[in-house]
């Protein structure tokens, strides 16, 4: 629920939600929707176990549509926020001294497509 999410944040927890929840407009299991959390100003991060593509979609969806977040803030929901939530403070941002993980994306017909991947500064895809 929204109340449970607020209580978790008040207790210092990071809210990590399923990417498909935002993309399909709600939870498969009837839990609180990401849209409701975002509309109420809660800071979130995303994870996905069964639709990994939803992570890229989430970052760009928040930068457009009804939310219109700055792109940097939107992309942080799939990079820095989830990385830091699990203690991976050496990644998640393009900052000197961090790992240098990068995904190059091209927008085609309003959808992001991965065009290149670098891990620790080395191209892997």
PDB file of N, CA and C in Angstrom:
ATOM      1  N   UNK A   1       0.838  -1.186   0.000  1.00  0.00           N
ATOM      2  CA  UNK A   1       0.000   0.000   0.000  1.00  0.00           C
ATOM      3  C   UNK A   1       0.880   1.245   0.000  1.00  0.00           C
ATOM      4  N   UNK A   2       0.297   2.354  -0.315  1.00  0.00           N
ATOM      5  CA  UNK A   2       1.006   3.624  -0.266  1.00  0.00           C
ATOM      6  C   UNK A   2       1.488   3.900   1.154  1.00  0.00           C
ATOM      7  N   UNK A   3       0.655   3.606   2.138  1.00  0.00           N
ATOM      8  CA  UNK A   3       1.032   3.834   3.541  1.00  0.00           C
ATOM      9  C   UNK A   3       2.235   2.977   3.929  1.00  0.00           C
ATOM     10  N   UNK A   4       2.260   1.729   3.501  1.00  0.00           N
ATOM     11  CA  UNK A   4       3.387   0.845   3.811  1.00  0.00           C
ATOM     12  C   UNK A   4       4.662   1.343   3.138  1.00  0.00           C
ATOM     13  N   UNK A   5       4.551   1.817   1.910  1.00  0.00           N
ATOM     14  CA  UNK A   5       5.713   2.342   1.199  1.00  0.00           C
ATOM     15  C   UNK A   5       6.259   3.578   1.906  1.00  0.00           C
ATOM     16  N   UNK A   6       5.372   4.466   2.343  1.00  0.00           N
ATOM     17  CA  UNK A   6       5.822   5.662   3.082  1.00  0.00           C
ATOM     18  C   UNK A   6       6.486   5.278   4.394  1.00  0.00           C
ATOM     19  N   UNK A   7       5.914   4.318   5.095  1.00  0.00           N
ATOM     20  CA  UNK A   7       6.498   3.869   6.365  1.00  0.00           C
ATOM     21  C   UNK A   7       7.886   3.278   6.131  1.00  0.00           C
ATOM     22  N   UNK A   8       8.046   2.520   5.061  1.00  0.00           N
ATOM     23  CA  UNK A   8       9.352   1.941   4.740  1.00  0.00           C
ATOM     24  C   UNK A   8      10.371   3.040   4.463  1.00  0.00           C
ATOM     25  N   UNK A   9       9.979   4.035   3.693  1.00  0.00           N
ATOM     26  CA  UNK A   9      10.892   5.144   3.408  1.00  0.00           C
ATOM     27  C   UNK A   9      11.231   5.913   4.674  1.00  0.00           C
ATOM     28  N   UNK A  10      10.237   6.143   5.510  1.00  0.00           N
ATOM     29  CA  UNK A  10      10.469   6.850   6.776  1.00  0.00           C
ATOM     30  C   UNK A  10      11.439   6.092   7.669  1.00  0.00           C
ATOM     31  N   UNK A  11      11.473   4.766   7.519  1.00  0.00           N
ATOM     32  CA  UNK A  11      12.378   3.925   8.306  1.00  0.00           C
ATOM     33  C   UNK A  11      13.758   3.807   7.651  1.00  0.00           C
ATOM     34  N   UNK A  12      13.970   4.531   6.541  1.00  0.00           N
ATOM     35  CA  UNK A  12      15.271   4.531   5.884  1.00  0.00           C
ATOM     36  C   UNK A  12      15.459   3.469   4.825  1.00  0.00           C
ATOM     37  N   UNK A  13      14.387   2.786   4.460  1.00  0.00           N
ATOM     38  CA  UNK A  13      14.489   1.746   3.437  1.00  0.00           C
ATOM     39  C   UNK A  13      14.384   2.363   2.041  1.00  0.00           C
ATOM     40  N   UNK A  14      15.004   1.700   1.070  1.00  0.00           N
ATOM     41  CA  UNK A  14      14.894   2.104  -0.327  1.00  0.00           C
ATOM     42  C   UNK A  14      13.779   1.293  -0.966  1.00  0.00           C
ATOM     43  N   UNK A  15      12.903   1.958  -1.686  1.00  0.00           N
ATOM     44  CA  UNK A  15      11.813   1.262  -2.372  1.00  0.00           C
ATOM     45  C   UNK A  15      12.307   0.775  -3.726  1.00  0.00           C
ATOM     46  N   UNK A  16      12.346  -0.530  -3.904  1.00  0.00           N
ATOM     47  CA  UNK A  16      12.707  -1.133  -5.185  1.00  0.00           C
ATOM     48  C   UNK A  16      11.470  -1.860  -5.700  1.00  0.00           C
ATOM     49  N   UNK A  17      11.012  -1.442  -6.856  1.00  0.00           N
ATOM     50  CA  UNK A  17       9.784  -1.979  -7.430  1.00  0.00           C
ATOM     51  C   UNK A  17      10.106  -2.742  -8.713  1.00  0.00           C
ATOM     52  N   UNK A  18       9.193  -3.596  -9.114  1.00  0.00           N
ATOM     53  CA  UNK A  18       9.345  -4.341 -10.357  1.00  0.00           C
ATOM     54  C   UNK A  18       9.119  -3.441 -11.555  1.00  0.00           C
ATOM     55  N   UNK A  19      10.033  -3.485 -12.506  1.00  0.00           N
ATOM     56  CA  UNK A  19       9.901  -2.682 -13.709  1.00  0.00           C
ATOM     57  C   UNK A  19       8.599  -2.912 -14.459  1.00  0.00           C
ATOM     58  N   UNK A  20       8.168  -4.167 -14.605  1.00  0.00           N
ATOM     59  CA  UNK A  20       6.915  -4.397 -15.321  1.00  0.00           C
ATOM     60  C   UNK A  20       5.710  -3.701 -14.679  1.00  0.00           C
ATOM     61  N   UNK A  21       5.754  -3.459 -13.375  1.00  0.00           N
ATOM     62  CA  UNK A  21       4.662  -2.781 -12.681  1.00  0.00           C
ATOM     63  C   UNK A  21       4.410  -1.410 -13.311  1.00  0.00           C
ATOM     64  N   UNK A  22       5.465  -0.667 -13.607  1.00  0.00           N
ATOM     65  CA  UNK A  22       5.294   0.650 -14.228  1.00  0.00           C
ATOM     66  C   UNK A  22       4.866   0.507 -15.682  1.00  0.00           C
ATOM     67  N   UNK A  23       5.524  -0.383 -16.412  1.00  0.00           N
ATOM     68  CA  UNK A  23       5.279  -0.498 -17.849  1.00  0.00           C
ATOM     69  C   UNK A  23       3.867  -0.984 -18.150  1.00  0.00           C
ATOM     70  N   UNK A  24       3.371  -1.934 -17.379  1.00  0.00           N
ATOM     71  CA  UNK A  24       2.022  -2.439 -17.666  1.00  0.00           C
ATOM     72  C   UNK A  24       0.942  -1.694 -16.893  1.00  0.00           C
ATOM     73  N   UNK A  25       1.339  -0.770 -16.007  1.00  0.00           N
ATOM     74  CA  UNK A  25       0.364   0.075 -15.324  1.00  0.00           C
ATOM     75  C   UNK A  25      -0.151  -0.468 -14.012  1.00  0.00           C
ATOM     76  N   UNK A  26       0.479  -1.472 -13.454  1.00  0.00           N
ATOM     77  CA  UNK A  26       0.041  -2.000 -12.164  1.00  0.00           C
ATOM     78  C   UNK A  26       0.725  -3.303 -11.830  1.00  0.00           C
ATOM     79  N   UNK A  27       0.463  -3.769 -10.625  1.00  0.00           N
ATOM     80  CA  UNK A  27       1.067  -4.995 -10.117  1.00  0.00           C
ATOM     81  C   UNK A  27       0.273  -6.215 -10.572  1.00  0.00           C
ATOM     82  N   UNK A  28       0.986  -7.286 -10.934  1.00  0.00           N
ATOM     83  CA  UNK A  28       0.318  -8.549 -11.260  1.00  0.00           C
ATOM     84  C   UNK A  28      -0.405  -9.113 -10.048  1.00  0.00           C
ATOM     85  N   UNK A  29       0.153  -8.871  -8.874  1.00  0.00           N
ATOM     86  CA  UNK A  29      -0.384  -9.505  -7.662  1.00  0.00           C
ATOM     87  C   UNK A  29      -1.296  -8.600  -6.846  1.00  0.00           C
ATOM     88  N   UNK A  30      -1.639  -7.439  -7.376  1.00  0.00           N
ATOM     89  CA  UNK A  30      -2.559  -6.559  -6.671  1.00  0.00           C
ATOM     90  C   UNK A  30      -1.902  -5.632  -5.659  1.00  0.00           C
ATOM     91  N   UNK A  31      -0.569  -5.588  -5.635  1.00  0.00           N
ATOM     92  CA  UNK A  31       0.125  -4.668  -4.735  1.00  0.00           C
ATOM     93  C   UNK A  31       0.041  -3.240  -5.265  1.00  0.00           C
ATOM     94  N   UNK A  32       0.563  -2.301  -4.508  1.00  0.00           N
ATOM     95  CA  UNK A  32       0.533  -0.897  -4.892  1.00  0.00           C
ATOM     96  C   UNK A  32       1.203  -0.718  -6.255  1.00  0.00           C
ATOM     97  N   UNK A  33       0.685   0.202  -7.045  1.00  0.00           N
ATOM     98  CA  UNK A  33       1.270   0.445  -8.364  1.00  0.00           C
ATOM     99  C   UNK A  33       2.397   1.465  -8.250  1.00  0.00           C
ATOM    100  N   UNK A  34       3.394   1.291  -9.096  1.00  0.00           N
ATOM    101  CA  UNK A  34       4.497   2.242  -9.142  1.00  0.00           C
ATOM    102  C   UNK A  34       3.970   3.629  -9.481  1.00  0.00           C
ATOM    103  N   UNK A  35       3.009   3.702 -10.380  1.00  0.00           N
ATOM    104  CA  UNK A  35       2.439   4.997 -10.757  1.00  0.00           C
ATOM    105  C   UNK A  35       1.923   5.745  -9.534  1.00  0.00           C
ATOM    106  N   UNK A  36       1.249   5.039  -8.641  1.00  0.00           N
ATOM    107  CA  UNK A  36       0.721   5.677  -7.430  1.00  0.00           C
ATOM    108  C   UNK A  36       1.852   6.200  -6.551  1.00  0.00           C
ATOM    109  N   UNK A  37       2.922   5.427  -6.427  1.00  0.00           N
ATOM    110  CA  UNK A  37       4.057   5.867  -5.613  1.00  0.00           C
ATOM    111  C   UNK A  37       4.704   7.108  -6.217  1.00  0.00           C
ATOM    112  N   UNK A  38       4.927   7.079  -7.528  1.00  0.00           N
ATOM    113  CA  UNK A  38       5.556   8.206  -8.213  1.00  0.00           C
ATOM    114  C   UNK A  38       4.673   9.445  -8.121  1.00  0.00           C
ATOM    115  N   UNK A  39       3.379   9.274  -8.341  1.00  0.00           N
ATOM    116  CA  UNK A  39       2.457  10.408  -8.285  1.00  0.00           C
ATOM    117  C   UNK A  39       2.388  11.027  -6.895  1.00  0.00           C
ATOM    118  N   UNK A  40       2.746  10.253  -5.875  1.00  0.00           N
ATOM    119  CA  UNK A  40       2.750  10.756  -4.502  1.00  0.00           C
ATOM    120  C   UNK A  40       4.145  11.187  -4.048  1.00  0.00           C
ATOM    121  N   UNK A  41       5.072  11.290  -4.989  1.00  0.00           N
ATOM    122  CA  UNK A  41       6.385  11.843  -4.701  1.00  0.00           C
ATOM    123  C   UNK A  41       7.377  10.916  -4.033  1.00  0.00           C
ATOM    124  N   UNK A  42       7.109   9.615  -3.995  1.00  0.00           N
ATOM    125  CA  UNK A  42       8.045   8.683  -3.377  1.00  0.00           C
ATOM    126  C   UNK A  42       9.185   8.374  -4.340  1.00  0.00           C
ATOM    127  N   UNK A  43      10.395   8.313  -3.803  1.00  0.00           N
ATOM    128  CA  UNK A  43      11.578   7.987  -4.598  1.00  0.00           C
ATOM    129  C   UNK A  43      11.701   6.472  -4.683  1.00  0.00           C
ATOM    130  N   UNK A  44      11.903   5.971  -5.876  1.00  0.00           N
ATOM    131  CA  UNK A  44      11.938   4.524  -6.080  1.00  0.00           C
ATOM    132  C   UNK A  44      13.129   4.125  -6.934  1.00  0.00           C
ATOM    133  N   UNK A  45      13.392   2.834  -6.925  1.00  0.00           N
ATOM    134  CA  UNK A  45      14.338   2.217  -7.836  1.00  0.00           C
ATOM    135  C   UNK A  45      13.640   1.025  -8.457  1.00  0.00           C
ATOM    136  N   UNK A  46      14.214   0.502  -9.531  1.00  0.00           N
ATOM    137  CA  UNK A  46      13.588  -0.619 -10.222  1.00  0.00           C
ATOM    138  C   UNK A  46      14.499  -1.833 -10.281  1.00  0.00           C
ATOM    139  N   UNK A  47      13.868  -2.985 -10.299  1.00  0.00           N
ATOM    140  CA  UNK A  47      14.526  -4.269 -10.526  1.00  0.00           C
ATOM    141  C   UNK A  47      13.590  -5.086 -11.408  1.00  0.00           C
ATOM    142  N   UNK A  48      14.129  -6.125 -12.020  1.00  0.00           N
ATOM    143  CA  UNK A  48      13.285  -7.014 -12.811  1.00  0.00           C
ATOM    144  C   UNK A  48      13.944  -8.373 -12.893  1.00  0.00           C
ATOM    145  N   UNK A  49      13.147  -9.404 -12.686  1.00  0.00           N
ATOM    146  CA  UNK A  49      13.683 -10.754 -12.815  1.00  0.00           C
ATOM    147  C   UNK A  49      13.122 -11.472 -14.034  1.00  0.00           C
ATOM    148  N   UNK A  50      11.966 -11.079 -14.505  1.00  0.00           N
ATOM    149  CA  UNK A  50      11.349 -11.825 -15.601  1.00  0.00           C
ATOM    150  C   UNK A  50      11.140 -11.006 -16.868  1.00  0.00           C
ATOM    151  N   UNK A  51      11.334  -9.691 -16.820  1.00  0.00           N
ATOM    152  CA  UNK A  51      11.272  -8.858 -18.021  1.00  0.00           C
ATOM    153  C   UNK A  51      12.401  -7.824 -17.924  1.00  0.00           C
ATOM    154  N   UNK A  52      13.654  -8.243 -18.136  1.00  0.00           N
ATOM    155  CA  UNK A  52      14.767  -7.315 -17.947  1.00  0.00           C
ATOM    156  C   UNK A  52      14.677  -6.057 -18.807  1.00  0.00           C
ATOM    157  N   UNK A  53      14.081  -6.169 -19.982  1.00  0.00           N
ATOM    158  CA  UNK A  53      13.929  -5.005 -20.856  1.00  0.00           C
ATOM    159  C   UNK A  53      13.121  -3.891 -20.191  1.00  0.00           C
ATOM    160  N   UNK A  54      12.285  -4.249 -19.236  1.00  0.00           N
ATOM    161  CA  UNK A  54      11.455  -3.239 -18.580  1.00  0.00           C
ATOM    162  C   UNK A  54      12.293  -2.191 -17.855  1.00  0.00           C
ATOM    163  N   UNK A  55      13.522  -2.530 -17.482  1.00  0.00           N
ATOM    164  CA  UNK A  55      14.364  -1.552 -16.793  1.00  0.00           C
ATOM    165  C   UNK A  55      14.683  -0.363 -17.696  1.00  0.00           C
ATOM    166  N   UNK A  56      15.093  -0.638 -18.923  1.00  0.00           N
ATOM    167  CA  UNK A  56      15.363   0.450 -19.872  1.00  0.00           C
ATOM    168  C   UNK A  56      14.075   1.220 -20.143  1.00  0.00           C
ATOM    169  N   UNK A  57      12.982   0.499 -20.325  1.00  0.00           N
ATOM    170  CA  UNK A  57      11.688   1.148 -20.582  1.00  0.00           C
ATOM    171  C   UNK A  57      11.304   2.081 -19.433  1.00  0.00           C
ATOM    172  N   UNK A  58      11.514   1.633 -18.187  1.00  0.00           N
ATOM    173  CA  UNK A  58      11.148   2.449 -17.017  1.00  0.00           C
ATOM    174  C   UNK A  58      11.898   3.770 -16.995  1.00  0.00           C
ATOM    175  N   UNK A  59      13.203   3.693 -17.200  1.00  0.00           N
ATOM    176  CA  UNK A  59      13.997   4.915 -17.163  1.00  0.00           C
ATOM    177  C   UNK A  59      13.491   5.962 -18.132  1.00  0.00           C
ATOM    178  N   UNK A  60      13.167   5.528 -19.328  1.00  0.00           N
ATOM    179  CA  UNK A  60      12.697   6.477 -20.327  1.00  0.00           C
ATOM    180  C   UNK A  60      11.221   6.823 -20.156  1.00  0.00           C
ATOM    181  N   UNK A  61      10.419   5.910 -19.637  1.00  0.00           N
ATOM    182  CA  UNK A  61       8.997   6.203 -19.401  1.00  0.00           C
ATOM    183  C   UNK A  61       8.840   7.328 -18.385  1.00  0.00           C
ATOM    184  N   UNK A  62       9.641   7.303 -17.321  1.00  0.00           N
ATOM    185  CA  UNK A  62       9.538   8.348 -16.297  1.00  0.00           C
ATOM    186  C   UNK A  62       9.994   9.707 -16.817  1.00  0.00           C
ATOM    187  N   UNK A  63      10.867   9.691 -17.830  1.00  0.00           N
ATOM    188  CA  UNK A  63      11.346  10.947 -18.404  1.00  0.00           C
ATOM    189  C   UNK A  63      10.316  11.572 -19.344  1.00  0.00           C
ATOM    190  N   UNK A  64       9.280  10.834 -19.668  1.00  0.00           N
ATOM    191  CA  UNK A  64       8.231  11.349 -20.538  1.00  0.00           C
ATOM    192  C   UNK A  64       6.887  11.087 -19.897  1.00  0.00           C
ATOM    193  N   UNK A  65       5.897  10.939 -20.726  1.00  0.00           N
ATOM    194  CA  UNK A  65       4.562  10.602 -20.224  1.00  0.00           C
ATOM    195  C   UNK A  65       4.060  11.583 -19.184  1.00  0.00           C
ATOM    196  N   UNK A  66       3.232  11.114 -18.279  1.00  0.00           N
ATOM    197  CA  UNK A  66       2.632  12.024 -17.298  1.00  0.00           C
ATOM    198  C   UNK A  66       3.614  12.520 -16.235  1.00  0.00           C
ATOM    199  N   UNK A  67       4.770  11.857 -16.101  1.00  0.00           N
ATOM    200  CA  UNK A  67       5.699  12.223 -15.022  1.00  0.00           C
ATOM    201  C   UNK A  67       6.670  13.306 -15.453  1.00  0.00           C
ATOM    202  N   UNK A  68       7.215  13.194 -16.656  1.00  0.00           N
ATOM    203  CA  UNK A  68       8.110  14.193 -17.229  1.00  0.00           C
ATOM    204  C   UNK A  68       9.291  14.541 -16.319  1.00  0.00           C
ATOM    205  N   UNK A  69       9.887  13.516 -15.721  1.00  0.00           N
ATOM    206  CA  UNK A  69      11.059  13.720 -14.863  1.00  0.00           C
ATOM    207  C   UNK A  69      12.258  14.134 -15.708  1.00  0.00           C
ATOM    208  N   UNK A  70      13.219  14.835 -15.109  1.00  0.00           N
ATOM    209  CA  UNK A  70      14.487  15.052 -15.813  1.00  0.00           C
ATOM    210  C   UNK A  70      15.106  13.681 -16.122  1.00  0.00           C
ATOM    211  N   UNK A  71      15.712  13.541 -17.294  1.00  0.00           N
ATOM    212  CA  UNK A  71      16.236  12.238 -17.714  1.00  0.00           C
ATOM    213  C   UNK A  71      17.238  11.678 -16.704  1.00  0.00           C
ATOM    214  N   UNK A  72      18.062  12.532 -16.095  1.00  0.00           N
ATOM    215  CA  UNK A  72      19.053  12.049 -15.126  1.00  0.00           C
ATOM    216  C   UNK A  72      18.378  11.380 -13.935  1.00  0.00           C
ATOM    217  N   UNK A  73      17.323  11.998 -13.426  1.00  0.00           N
ATOM    218  CA  UNK A  73      16.591  11.436 -12.280  1.00  0.00           C
ATOM    219  C   UNK A  73      15.906  10.130 -12.681  1.00  0.00           C
ATOM    220  N   UNK A  74      15.325  10.102 -13.870  1.00  0.00           N
ATOM    221  CA  UNK A  74      14.621   8.902 -14.336  1.00  0.00           C
ATOM    222  C   UNK A  74      15.584   7.726 -14.509  1.00  0.00           C
ATOM    223  N   UNK A  75      16.734   7.968 -15.103  1.00  0.00           N
ATOM    224  CA  UNK A  75      17.705   6.893 -15.335  1.00  0.00           C
ATOM    225  C   UNK A  75      18.295   6.401 -14.017  1.00  0.00           C
ATOM    226  N   UNK A  76      18.427   7.284 -13.029  1.00  0.00           N
ATOM    227  CA  UNK A  76      18.920   6.855 -11.708  1.00  0.00           C
ATOM    228  C   UNK A  76      18.064   5.761 -11.088  1.00  0.00           C
ATOM    229  N   UNK A  77      16.785   5.699 -11.450  1.00  0.00           N
ATOM    230  CA  UNK A  77      15.904   4.673 -10.871  1.00  0.00           C
ATOM    231  C   UNK A  77      16.286   3.267 -11.302  1.00  0.00           C
ATOM    232  N   UNK A  78      17.045   3.156 -12.398  1.00  0.00           N
ATOM    233  CA  UNK A  78      17.478   1.832 -12.868  1.00  0.00           C
ATOM    234  C   UNK A  78      18.992   1.660 -12.799  1.00  0.00           C
ATOM    235  N   UNK A  79      19.689   2.652 -12.241  1.00  0.00           N
ATOM    236  CA  UNK A  79      21.145   2.569 -12.143  1.00  0.00           C
ATOM    237  C   UNK A  79      21.597   2.749 -10.697  1.00  0.00           C
ATOM    238  N   UNK A  80      21.763   3.988 -10.299  1.00  0.00           N
ATOM    239  CA  UNK A  80      22.323   4.297  -8.980  1.00  0.00           C
ATOM    240  C   UNK A  80      21.458   3.809  -7.824  1.00  0.00           C
ATOM    241  N   UNK A  81      20.161   4.062  -7.872  1.00  0.00           N
ATOM    242  CA  UNK A  81      19.293   3.711  -6.744  1.00  0.00           C
ATOM    243  C   UNK A  81      19.328   2.217  -6.423  1.00  0.00           C
ATOM    244  N   UNK A  82      19.084   1.321  -7.398  1.00  0.00           N
ATOM    245  CA  UNK A  82      19.142  -0.104  -7.043  1.00  0.00           C
ATOM    246  C   UNK A  82      20.552  -0.573  -6.679  1.00  0.00           C
ATOM    247  N   UNK A  83      21.578  -0.030  -7.334  1.00  0.00           N
ATOM    248  CA  UNK A  83      22.949  -0.433  -6.997  1.00  0.00           C
ATOM    249  C   UNK A  83      23.265  -0.086  -5.546  1.00  0.00           C
ATOM    250  N   UNK A  84      22.960   1.133  -5.145  1.00  0.00           N
ATOM    251  CA  UNK A  84      23.252   1.562  -3.775  1.00  0.00           C
ATOM    252  C   UNK A  84      22.380   0.834  -2.759  1.00  0.00           C
ATOM    253  N   UNK A  85      21.177   0.455  -3.152  1.00  0.00           N
ATOM    254  CA  UNK A  85      20.285  -0.263  -2.227  1.00  0.00           C
ATOM    255  C   UNK A  85      20.876  -1.602  -1.798  1.00  0.00           C
ATOM    256  N   UNK A  86      21.708  -2.191  -2.659  1.00  0.00           N
ATOM    257  CA  UNK A  86      22.323  -3.479  -2.318  1.00  0.00           C
ATOM    258  C   UNK A  86      23.815  -3.341  -2.016  1.00  0.00           C
ATOM    259  N   UNK A  87      24.247  -2.114  -1.746  1.00  0.00           N
ATOM    260  CA  UNK A  87      25.617  -1.882  -1.307  1.00  0.00           C
ATOM    261  C   UNK A  87      26.663  -1.797  -2.401  1.00  0.00           C
ATOM    262  N   UNK A  88      26.246  -1.685  -3.660  1.00  0.00           N
ATOM    263  CA  UNK A  88      27.196  -1.590  -4.776  1.00  0.00           C
ATOM    264  C   UNK A  88      27.464  -0.118  -5.089  1.00  0.00           C
ATOM    265  N   UNK A  89      28.229   0.526  -4.228  1.00  0.00           N
ATOM    266  CA  UNK A  89      28.471   1.961  -4.363  1.00  0.00           C
ATOM    267  C   UNK A  89      29.576   2.293  -5.364  1.00  0.00           C
ATOM    268  N   UNK A  90      30.172   1.278  -5.986  1.00  0.00           N
ATOM    269  CA  UNK A  90      31.212   1.506  -6.991  1.00  0.00           C
ATOM    270  C   UNK A  90      30.638   1.617  -8.402  1.00  0.00           C
ATOM    271  N   UNK A  91      29.328   1.685  -8.520  1.00  0.00           N
ATOM    272  CA  UNK A  91      28.681   1.743  -9.834  1.00  0.00           C
ATOM    273  C   UNK A  91      27.360   2.499  -9.743  1.00  0.00           C
ATOM    274  N   UNK A  92      26.742   2.704 -10.890  1.00  0.00           N
ATOM    275  CA  UNK A  92      25.423   3.331 -10.910  1.00  0.00           C
ATOM    276  C   UNK A  92      25.415   4.766 -11.384  1.00  0.00           C
ATOM    277  N   UNK A  93      26.590   5.329 -11.656  1.00  0.00           N
ATOM    278  CA  UNK A  93      26.665   6.708 -12.144  1.00  0.00           C
ATOM    279  C   UNK A  93      27.931   6.858 -12.982  1.00  0.00           C
ATOM    280  N   UNK A  94      27.926   7.834 -13.875  1.00  0.00           N
ATOM    281  CA  UNK A  94      29.115   8.136 -14.670  1.00  0.00           C
ATOM    282  C   UNK A  94      29.937   9.168 -13.910  1.00  0.00           C
ATOM    283  N   UNK A  95      30.790   8.650 -13.034  1.00  0.00           N
ATOM    284  CA  UNK A  95      31.609   9.488 -12.161  1.00  0.00           C
ATOM    285  C   UNK A  95      33.030   8.939 -12.182  1.00  0.00           C
ATOM    286  N   UNK A  96      34.006   9.820 -12.255  1.00  0.00           N
ATOM    287  CA  UNK A  96      35.407   9.396 -12.222  1.00  0.00           C
ATOM    288  C   UNK A  96      35.635   8.539 -10.981  1.00  0.00           C
ATOM    289  N   UNK A  97      36.254   7.374 -11.180  1.00  0.00           N
ATOM    290  CA  UNK A  97      36.556   6.472 -10.081  1.00  0.00           C
ATOM    291  C   UNK A  97      35.570   5.327  -9.929  1.00  0.00           C
ATOM    292  N   UNK A  98      34.396   5.435 -10.552  1.00  0.00           N
ATOM    293  CA  UNK A  98      33.444   4.323 -10.518  1.00  0.00           C
ATOM    294  C   UNK A  98      33.727   3.384 -11.692  1.00  0.00           C
ATOM    295  N   UNK A  99      33.025   2.258 -11.738  1.00  0.00           N
ATOM    296  CA  UNK A  99      33.312   1.184 -12.695  1.00  0.00           C
ATOM    297  C   UNK A  99      33.232   1.570 -14.164  1.00  0.00           C
ATOM    298  N   UNK A 100      32.364   2.425 -14.537  1.00  0.00           N
ATOM    299  CA  UNK A 100      32.241   2.775 -15.944  1.00  0.00           C
ATOM    300  C   UNK A 100      31.355   1.826 -16.722  1.00  0.00           C
ATOM    301  N   UNK A 101      30.245   1.393 -16.115  1.00  0.00           N
ATOM    302  CA  UNK A 101      29.256   0.573 -16.820  1.00  0.00           C
ATOM    303  C   UNK A 101      28.335   1.517 -17.592  1.00  0.00           C
ATOM    304  N   UNK A 102      28.167   1.261 -18.877  1.00  0.00           N
ATOM    305  CA  UNK A 102      27.383   2.155 -19.728  1.00  0.00           C
ATOM    306  C   UNK A 102      26.531   1.327 -20.679  1.00  0.00           C
ATOM    307  N   UNK A 103      25.304   1.778 -20.894  1.00  0.00           N
ATOM    308  CA  UNK A 103      24.432   1.198 -21.911  1.00  0.00           C
ATOM    309  C   UNK A 103      24.072   2.323 -22.876  1.00  0.00           C
ATOM    310  N   UNK A 104      24.396   2.136 -24.144  1.00  0.00           N
ATOM    311  CA  UNK A 104      24.037   3.111 -25.171  1.00  0.00           C
ATOM    312  C   UNK A 104      22.669   2.717 -25.716  1.00  0.00           C
ATOM    313  N   UNK A 105      21.786   3.691 -25.798  1.00  0.00           N
ATOM    314  CA  UNK A 105      20.396   3.439 -26.176  1.00  0.00           C
ATOM    315  C   UNK A 105      20.016   4.335 -27.347  1.00  0.00           C
ATOM    316  N   UNK A 106      19.194   3.802 -28.217  1.00  0.00           N
ATOM    317  CA  UNK A 106      18.617   4.592 -29.306  1.00  0.00           C
ATOM    318  C   UNK A 106      17.103   4.509 -29.185  1.00  0.00           C
ATOM    319  N   UNK A 107      16.440   5.644 -29.316  1.00  0.00           N
ATOM    320  CA  UNK A 107      14.978   5.679 -29.255  1.00  0.00           C
ATOM    321  C   UNK A 107      14.434   5.488 -30.670  1.00  0.00           C
ATOM    322  N   UNK A 108      13.598   4.464 -30.842  1.00  0.00           N
ATOM    323  CA  UNK A 108      12.973   4.171 -32.127  1.00  0.00           C
ATOM    324  C   UNK A 108      11.469   4.077 -31.894  1.00  0.00           C
ATOM    325  N   UNK A 109      10.719   4.928 -32.574  1.00  0.00           N
ATOM    326  CA  UNK A 109       9.258   4.952 -32.415  1.00  0.00           C
ATOM    327  C   UNK A 109       8.844   5.041 -30.950  1.00  0.00           C
ATOM    328  N   UNK A 110       9.577   5.841 -30.188  1.00  0.00           N
ATOM    329  CA  UNK A 110       9.223   6.065 -28.790  1.00  0.00           C
ATOM    330  C   UNK A 110       9.689   5.003 -27.814  1.00  0.00           C
ATOM    331  N   UNK A 111      10.429   3.997 -28.288  1.00  0.00           N
ATOM    332  CA  UNK A 111      10.899   2.926 -27.405  1.00  0.00           C
ATOM    333  C   UNK A 111      12.424   2.863 -27.425  1.00  0.00           C
ATOM    334  N   UNK A 112      13.040   2.671 -26.250  1.00  0.00           N
ATOM    335  CA  UNK A 112      14.497   2.580 -26.200  1.00  0.00           C
ATOM    336  C   UNK A 112      14.994   1.191 -26.598  1.00  0.00           C
ATOM    337  N   UNK A 113      16.034   1.170 -27.418  1.00  0.00           N
ATOM    338  CA  UNK A 113      16.668  -0.081 -27.825  1.00  0.00           C
ATOM    339  C   UNK A 113      18.155  -0.007 -27.493  1.00  0.00           C
ATOM    340  N   UNK A 114      18.672  -1.059 -26.893  1.00  0.00           N
ATOM    341  CA  UNK A 114      20.082  -1.110 -26.520  1.00  0.00           C
ATOM    342  C   UNK A 114      20.925  -1.254 -27.784  1.00  0.00           C
ATOM    343  N   UNK A 115      21.927  -0.380 -27.921  1.00  0.00           N
ATOM    344  CA  UNK A 115      22.808  -0.386 -29.092  1.00  0.00           C
ATOM    345  C   UNK A 115      24.251  -0.710 -28.729  1.00  0.00           C
ATOM    346  N   UNK A 116      24.574  -0.731 -27.434  1.00  0.00           N
ATOM    347  CA  UNK A 116      25.927  -1.068 -27.005  1.00  0.00           C
ATOM    348  C   UNK A 116      25.976  -1.157 -25.494  1.00  0.00           C
ATOM    349  N   UNK A 117      26.881  -2.005 -24.990  1.00  0.00           N
ATOM    350  CA  UNK A 117      27.020  -2.196 -23.542  1.00  0.00           C
ATOM    351  C   UNK A 117      28.504  -2.232 -23.193  1.00  0.00           C
ATOM    352  N   UNK A 118      28.885  -1.485 -22.159  1.00  0.00           N
ATOM    353  CA  UNK A 118      30.242  -1.485 -21.635  1.00  0.00           C
ATOM    354  C   UNK A 118      30.182  -1.822 -20.149  1.00  0.00           C
ATOM    355  N   UNK A 119      31.046  -2.706 -19.705  1.00  0.00           N
ATOM    356  CA  UNK A 119      31.155  -3.070 -18.289  1.00  0.00           C
ATOM    357  C   UNK A 119      32.578  -2.757 -17.848  1.00  0.00           C
ATOM    358  N   UNK A 120      32.685  -1.979 -16.789  1.00  0.00           N
ATOM    359  CA  UNK A 120      33.995  -1.558 -16.274  1.00  0.00           C
ATOM    360  C   UNK A 120      34.849  -0.963 -17.397  1.00  0.00           C
ATOM    361  N   UNK A 121      34.196  -0.212 -18.286  1.00  0.00           N
ATOM    362  CA  UNK A 121      34.894   0.464 -19.364  1.00  0.00           C
ATOM    363  C   UNK A 121      35.207  -0.379 -20.580  1.00  0.00           C
ATOM    364  N   UNK A 122      34.870  -1.654 -20.571  1.00  0.00           N
ATOM    365  CA  UNK A 122      35.151  -2.554 -21.696  1.00  0.00           C
ATOM    366  C   UNK A 122      33.858  -2.909 -22.428  1.00  0.00           C
ATOM    367  N   UNK A 123      33.876  -2.770 -23.750  1.00  0.00           N
ATOM    368  CA  UNK A 123      32.676  -3.106 -24.524  1.00  0.00           C
ATOM    369  C   UNK A 123      32.434  -4.611 -24.474  1.00  0.00           C
ATOM    370  N   UNK A 124      31.193  -4.971 -24.115  1.00  0.00           N
ATOM    371  CA  UNK A 124      30.814  -6.386 -24.029  1.00  0.00           C
ATOM    372  C   UNK A 124      29.608  -6.706 -24.906  1.00  0.00           C
ATOM    373  N   UNK A 125      29.013  -5.708 -25.492  1.00  0.00           N
ATOM    374  CA  UNK A 125      27.842  -5.969 -26.325  1.00  0.00           C
ATOM    375  C   UNK A 125      27.489  -4.813 -27.196  1.00  0.00           C
TER     376      UNK A 125
END
